[in-house]
Structure formats: structure tokens, C-alpha cells
Amino acid sequence: MPRHLALAAIILGVGLAPAAAQPAGPTPPCPAPDFVDTVVGCTVAIQSKSLKGPALGSAHYNRGFALQSLGATKDAIADFSAAIRLDPSKAAAFNNRGYLRATGGDLAGALTDFDAALKLDPALVQALNNRAMLYRTRGAWDRAIEDYD
């Protein structure tokens, strides 16, 4: 199955083709150097049922990041949510989900995620910047400036 078709199948929720129909060769790693391979490799890892807890959370996070980069927002949010459920200490998953929520108009959910990310890692610059932009959008200039500082 060509890579772009495998990705489309994953995003549409129909999964990968049976092993016999897949191309010969190794499964890409999770994460891989490219986003499509990351989606494929992490999906295989997740579906293998061999990963548990934080390792499974990392696979969901890596796939979510790749899906986010490929524009599959809904699926990326679902993966970041799974990563958070499996490893609630992953500040980057809260930040990335918050960013996607903010771009989708869920500002309250985004603020909750940015706050959670910063509670876990007060020095996470991306979360500080994202929360500052959210405060700026809401007209909370003093709060935005605090985060930018």
C-alpha cells in the first residue's frame, strides 16, 4: 500500500491494510524522520498492543505531532488526549492540544491546557508564548505581558 494511501486510511479511521497487502520492508520507527512515516510507524506500534503506560503515551504523542503537522487536527487532538491520559506528566502534549484547541476556537479548553502544561513545566517557552497570545486575543494585556516577560 503506498504511503499516502496508508496515511489516508489512518486518518479516515480504517486502519492499515492486512500485513499481506503491505509493502515488503521494515515498519517505519515511531517517530520517524518524516511525518507520514511517523503516522504509519506509530500506528503499527499502538495497534501492536505491546506498549503500555508512558511508552504508549509517547507513541500517541509522536503520532499526534505528525498528524498536527499534516493538518489532521481532529485526529491530532485525539492522540494528544490519549497521550495525556496515559502519561499525565507530558507537558508538551497539553501545550500541543491547547494550541489546536485555540486555533479551533475552544479558547477555554486551550487556556486549561496551557495552564496544565505550565504547572508541569513552568519554563516551557512554547506554552508561555501560546498562553500569552491567547490572553492578548482576549484583551487581557497585563496577563499577556506577564507571560511574554
C-alpha atoms as a PDB file:
ATOM      1  CA  MET A   1       0.000   0.000   0.000  1.00  0.00           C
ATOM      2  CA  PRO A   2       1.536   3.365  -0.970  1.00  0.00           C
ATOM      3  CA  ARG A   3       2.408   5.626   1.961  1.00  0.00           C
ATOM      4  CA  HIS A   4      -0.129   8.312   1.083  1.00  0.00           C
ATOM      5  CA  LEU A   5      -2.912   5.721   0.952  1.00  0.00           C
ATOM      6  CA  ALA A   6      -1.814   4.277   4.292  1.00  0.00           C
ATOM      7  CA  LEU A   7      -1.948   7.754   5.794  1.00  0.00           C
ATOM      8  CA  ALA A   8      -5.385   8.427   4.323  1.00  0.00           C
ATOM      9  CA  ALA A   9      -6.634   5.131   5.739  1.00  0.00           C
ATOM     10  CA  ILE A  10      -5.298   6.006   9.176  1.00  0.00           C
ATOM     11  CA  ILE A  11      -6.786   9.494   9.161  1.00  0.00           C
ATOM     12  CA  LEU A  12     -10.125   8.138   7.993  1.00  0.00           C
ATOM     13  CA  GLY A  13     -10.043   5.578  10.787  1.00  0.00           C
ATOM     14  CA  VAL A  14      -9.988   2.447   8.657  1.00  0.00           C
ATOM     15  CA  GLY A  15      -6.521   1.350   9.789  1.00  0.00           C
ATOM     16  CA  LEU A  16      -3.757  -0.262   7.819  1.00  0.00           C
ATOM     17  CA  ALA A  17      -4.299  -2.983   5.283  1.00  0.00           C
ATOM     18  CA  PRO A  18      -3.609  -6.555   6.362  1.00  0.00           C
ATOM     19  CA  ALA A  19       0.080  -7.424   6.608  1.00  0.00           C
ATOM     20  CA  ALA A  20      -0.007  -9.390   3.347  1.00  0.00           C
ATOM     21  CA  ALA A  21      -1.128  -6.284   1.442  1.00  0.00           C
ATOM     22  CA  GLN A  22       1.545  -4.003   2.912  1.00  0.00           C
ATOM     23  CA  PRO A  23       4.790  -3.389   1.080  1.00  0.00           C
ATOM     24  CA  ALA A  24       7.772  -5.529   1.966  1.00  0.00           C
ATOM     25  CA  GLY A  25      10.299  -3.926   4.233  1.00  0.00           C
ATOM     26  CA  PRO A  26      10.502  -2.769   7.785  1.00  0.00           C
ATOM     27  CA  THR A  27       7.844  -0.734   9.508  1.00  0.00           C
ATOM     28  CA  PRO A  28       8.981   2.870   9.992  1.00  0.00           C
ATOM     29  CA  PRO A  29      10.055   3.772  13.528  1.00  0.00           C
ATOM     30  CA  CYS A  30       7.939   5.848  15.907  1.00  0.00           C
ATOM     31  CA  PRO A  31       8.918   8.636  15.481  1.00  0.00           C
ATOM     32  CA  ALA A  32      10.418   8.579  12.010  1.00  0.00           C
ATOM     33  CA  PRO A  33      12.263  11.281  10.074  1.00  0.00           C
ATOM     34  CA  ASP A  34       9.131  12.186   8.126  1.00  0.00           C
ATOM     35  CA  PHE A  35       5.574  12.804   9.263  1.00  0.00           C
ATOM     36  CA  VAL A  36       3.866  10.205   7.070  1.00  0.00           C
ATOM     37  CA  ASP A  37       6.292   7.505   8.212  1.00  0.00           C
ATOM     38  CA  THR A  38       5.764   8.612  11.815  1.00  0.00           C
ATOM     39  CA  VAL A  39       1.992   8.189  11.459  1.00  0.00           C
ATOM     40  CA  VAL A  40       2.457   4.734   9.941  1.00  0.00           C
ATOM     41  CA  GLY A  41       5.145   3.601  12.395  1.00  0.00           C
ATOM     42  CA  CYS A  42       3.339   4.880  15.476  1.00  0.00           C
ATOM     43  CA  THR A  43       0.017   3.412  14.342  1.00  0.00           C
ATOM     44  CA  VAL A  44       1.653  -0.003  13.948  1.00  0.00           C
ATOM     45  CA  ALA A  45       3.256   0.386  17.398  1.00  0.00           C
ATOM     46  CA  ILE A  46      -0.046   1.433  19.012  1.00  0.00           C
ATOM     47  CA  GLN A  47      -2.016  -1.357  17.333  1.00  0.00           C
ATOM     48  CA  SER A  48       0.585  -3.951  18.327  1.00  0.00           C
ATOM     49  CA  LYS A  49      -0.655  -3.773  21.938  1.00  0.00           C
ATOM     50  CA  SER A  50       2.967  -4.240  23.062  1.00  0.00           C
ATOM     51  CA  LEU A  51       3.285  -0.721  24.516  1.00  0.00           C
ATOM     52  CA  LYS A  52       1.851   0.247  27.897  1.00  0.00           C
ATOM     53  CA  GLY A  53       1.624   3.382  30.042  1.00  0.00           C
ATOM     54  CA  PRO A  54       4.056   6.220  29.225  1.00  0.00           C
ATOM     55  CA  ALA A  55       5.571   4.305  26.259  1.00  0.00           C
ATOM     56  CA  LEU A  56       2.117   4.046  24.690  1.00  0.00           C
ATOM     57  CA  GLY A  57       1.534   7.697  25.574  1.00  0.00           C
ATOM     58  CA  SER A  58       4.723   8.641  23.725  1.00  0.00           C
ATOM     59  CA  ALA A  59       3.562   6.771  20.629  1.00  0.00           C
ATOM     60  CA  HIS A  60       0.261   8.686  20.718  1.00  0.00           C
ATOM     61  CA  TYR A  61       2.136  11.960  21.269  1.00  0.00           C
ATOM     62  CA  ASN A  62       4.506  11.316  18.354  1.00  0.00           C
ATOM     63  CA  ARG A  63       1.656  10.355  16.045  1.00  0.00           C
ATOM     64  CA  GLY A  64      -0.356  13.362  17.233  1.00  0.00           C
ATOM     65  CA  PHE A  65       2.527  15.708  16.458  1.00  0.00           C
ATOM     66  CA  ALA A  66       2.872  14.211  12.974  1.00  0.00           C
ATOM     67  CA  LEU A  67      -0.877  14.432  12.358  1.00  0.00           C
ATOM     68  CA  GLN A  68      -0.864  18.045  13.576  1.00  0.00           C
ATOM     69  CA  SER A  69       1.930  18.808  11.130  1.00  0.00           C
ATOM     70  CA  LEU A  70      -0.062  17.148   8.336  1.00  0.00           C
ATOM     71  CA  GLY A  71      -3.192  19.174   9.145  1.00  0.00           C
ATOM     72  CA  ALA A  72      -5.284  16.368  10.656  1.00  0.00           C
ATOM     73  CA  THR A  73      -6.369  18.469  13.644  1.00  0.00           C
ATOM     74  CA  LYS A  74      -9.197  16.298  14.996  1.00  0.00           C
ATOM     75  CA  ASP A  75      -7.062  13.147  14.964  1.00  0.00           C
ATOM     76  CA  ALA A  76      -4.103  15.019  16.476  1.00  0.00           C
ATOM     77  CA  ILE A  77      -6.267  16.261  19.361  1.00  0.00           C
ATOM     78  CA  ALA A  78      -7.462  12.689  19.968  1.00  0.00           C
ATOM     79  CA  ASP A  79      -3.861  11.451  20.074  1.00  0.00           C
ATOM     80  CA  PHE A  80      -2.729  14.243  22.403  1.00  0.00           C
ATOM     81  CA  SER A  81      -5.683  13.430  24.677  1.00  0.00           C
ATOM     82  CA  ALA A  82      -4.677   9.752  24.706  1.00  0.00           C
ATOM     83  CA  ALA A  83      -1.061  10.734  25.454  1.00  0.00           C
ATOM     84  CA  ILE A  84      -2.238  12.855  28.406  1.00  0.00           C
ATOM     85  CA  ARG A  85      -4.450  10.051  29.726  1.00  0.00           C
ATOM     86  CA  LEU A  86      -1.570   7.570  29.533  1.00  0.00           C
ATOM     87  CA  ASP A  87       1.149   9.955  30.787  1.00  0.00           C
ATOM     88  CA  PRO A  88      -0.331  12.978  32.577  1.00  0.00           C
ATOM     89  CA  SER A  89       3.162  14.391  33.170  1.00  0.00           C
ATOM     90  CA  LYS A  90       3.750  15.184  29.458  1.00  0.00           C
ATOM     91  CA  ALA A  91       3.602  18.994  29.392  1.00  0.00           C
ATOM     92  CA  ALA A  92       4.193  19.153  25.623  1.00  0.00           C
ATOM     93  CA  ALA A  93       1.030  17.116  24.972  1.00  0.00           C
ATOM     94  CA  PHE A  94      -1.042  19.647  26.948  1.00  0.00           C
ATOM     95  CA  ASN A  95       0.617  22.521  25.068  1.00  0.00           C
ATOM     96  CA  ASN A  96       0.065  20.998  21.625  1.00  0.00           C
ATOM     97  CA  ARG A  97      -3.550  20.084  22.366  1.00  0.00           C
ATOM     98  CA  GLY A  98      -4.067  23.603  23.717  1.00  0.00           C
ATOM     99  CA  TYR A  99      -2.647  25.127  20.555  1.00  0.00           C
ATOM    100  CA  LEU A 100      -5.021  23.072  18.394  1.00  0.00           C
ATOM    101  CA  ARG A 101      -7.961  23.897  20.652  1.00  0.00           C
ATOM    102  CA  ALA A 102      -7.137  27.609  20.411  1.00  0.00           C
ATOM    103  CA  THR A 103      -6.903  27.522  16.619  1.00  0.00           C
ATOM    104  CA  GLY A 104     -10.256  25.716  16.570  1.00  0.00           C
ATOM    105  CA  GLY A 105     -11.922  28.383  18.739  1.00  0.00           C
ATOM    106  CA  ASP A 106     -12.027  26.481  22.056  1.00  0.00           C
ATOM    107  CA  LEU A 107     -10.266  29.226  23.999  1.00  0.00           C
ATOM    108  CA  ALA A 108     -11.381  27.996  27.437  1.00  0.00           C
ATOM    109  CA  GLY A 109     -10.101  24.481  26.719  1.00  0.00           C
ATOM    110  CA  ALA A 110      -6.864  25.918  25.321  1.00  0.00           C
ATOM    111  CA  LEU A 111      -6.287  28.034  28.431  1.00  0.00           C
ATOM    112  CA  THR A 112      -6.862  24.997  30.646  1.00  0.00           C
ATOM    113  CA  ASP A 113      -4.288  23.042  28.616  1.00  0.00           C
ATOM    114  CA  PHE A 114      -1.692  25.839  28.656  1.00  0.00           C
ATOM    115  CA  ASP A 115      -2.133  26.218  32.426  1.00  0.00           C
ATOM    116  CA  ALA A 116      -1.687  22.455  32.894  1.00  0.00           C
ATOM    117  CA  ALA A 117       1.432  22.448  30.707  1.00  0.00           C
ATOM    118  CA  LEU A 118       2.943  25.305  32.699  1.00  0.00           C
ATOM    119  CA  LYS A 119       2.089  23.695  36.016  1.00  0.00           C
ATOM    120  CA  LEU A 120       4.088  20.653  34.882  1.00  0.00           C
ATOM    121  CA  ASP A 121       6.915  22.675  33.288  1.00  0.00           C
ATOM    122  CA  PRO A 122       6.933  26.385  34.237  1.00  0.00           C
ATOM    123  CA  ALA A 123       9.779  27.031  31.787  1.00  0.00           C
ATOM    124  CA  LEU A 124       8.024  25.574  28.712  1.00  0.00           C
ATOM    125  CA  VAL A 125       8.523  28.568  26.426  1.00  0.00           C
ATOM    126  CA  GLN A 126       6.038  27.400  23.782  1.00  0.00           C
ATOM    127  CA  ALA A 127       3.240  27.174  26.375  1.00  0.00           C
ATOM    128  CA  LEU A 128       4.110  30.614  27.793  1.00  0.00           C
ATOM    129  CA  ASN A 129       4.025  32.110  24.305  1.00  0.00           C
ATOM    130  CA  ASN A 130       0.792  30.311  23.377  1.00  0.00           C
ATOM    131  CA  ARG A 131      -0.934  31.393  26.593  1.00  0.00           C
ATOM    132  CA  ALA A 132       0.286  34.976  26.094  1.00  0.00           C
ATOM    133  CA  MET A 133      -1.190  35.039  22.585  1.00  0.00           C
ATOM    134  CA  LEU A 134      -4.466  33.686  23.991  1.00  0.00           C
ATOM    135  CA  TYR A 135      -4.545  36.397  26.675  1.00  0.00           C
ATOM    136  CA  ARG A 136      -3.743  39.005  24.016  1.00  0.00           C
ATOM    137  CA  THR A 137      -6.655  37.709  21.897  1.00  0.00           C
ATOM    138  CA  ARG A 138      -8.948  38.084  24.904  1.00  0.00           C
ATOM    139  CA  GLY A 139      -7.685  41.603  25.605  1.00  0.00           C
ATOM    140  CA  ALA A 140      -6.018  40.591  28.895  1.00  0.00           C
ATOM    141  CA  TRP A 141      -2.945  42.678  28.127  1.00  0.00           C
ATOM    142  CA  ASP A 142      -1.377  42.547  31.612  1.00  0.00           C
ATOM    143  CA  ARG A 143      -1.556  38.752  31.699  1.00  0.00           C
ATOM    144  CA  ALA A 144      -0.151  38.531  28.179  1.00  0.00           C
ATOM    145  CA  ILE A 145       2.761  40.778  29.076  1.00  0.00           C
ATOM    146  CA  GLU A 146       3.493  38.683  32.195  1.00  0.00           C
ATOM    147  CA  ASP A 147       3.789  35.554  30.045  1.00  0.00           C
ATOM    148  CA  TYR A 148       5.814  37.310  27.354  1.00  0.00           C
ATOM    149  CA  ASP A 149       8.197  38.603  30.052  1.00  0.00           C
END
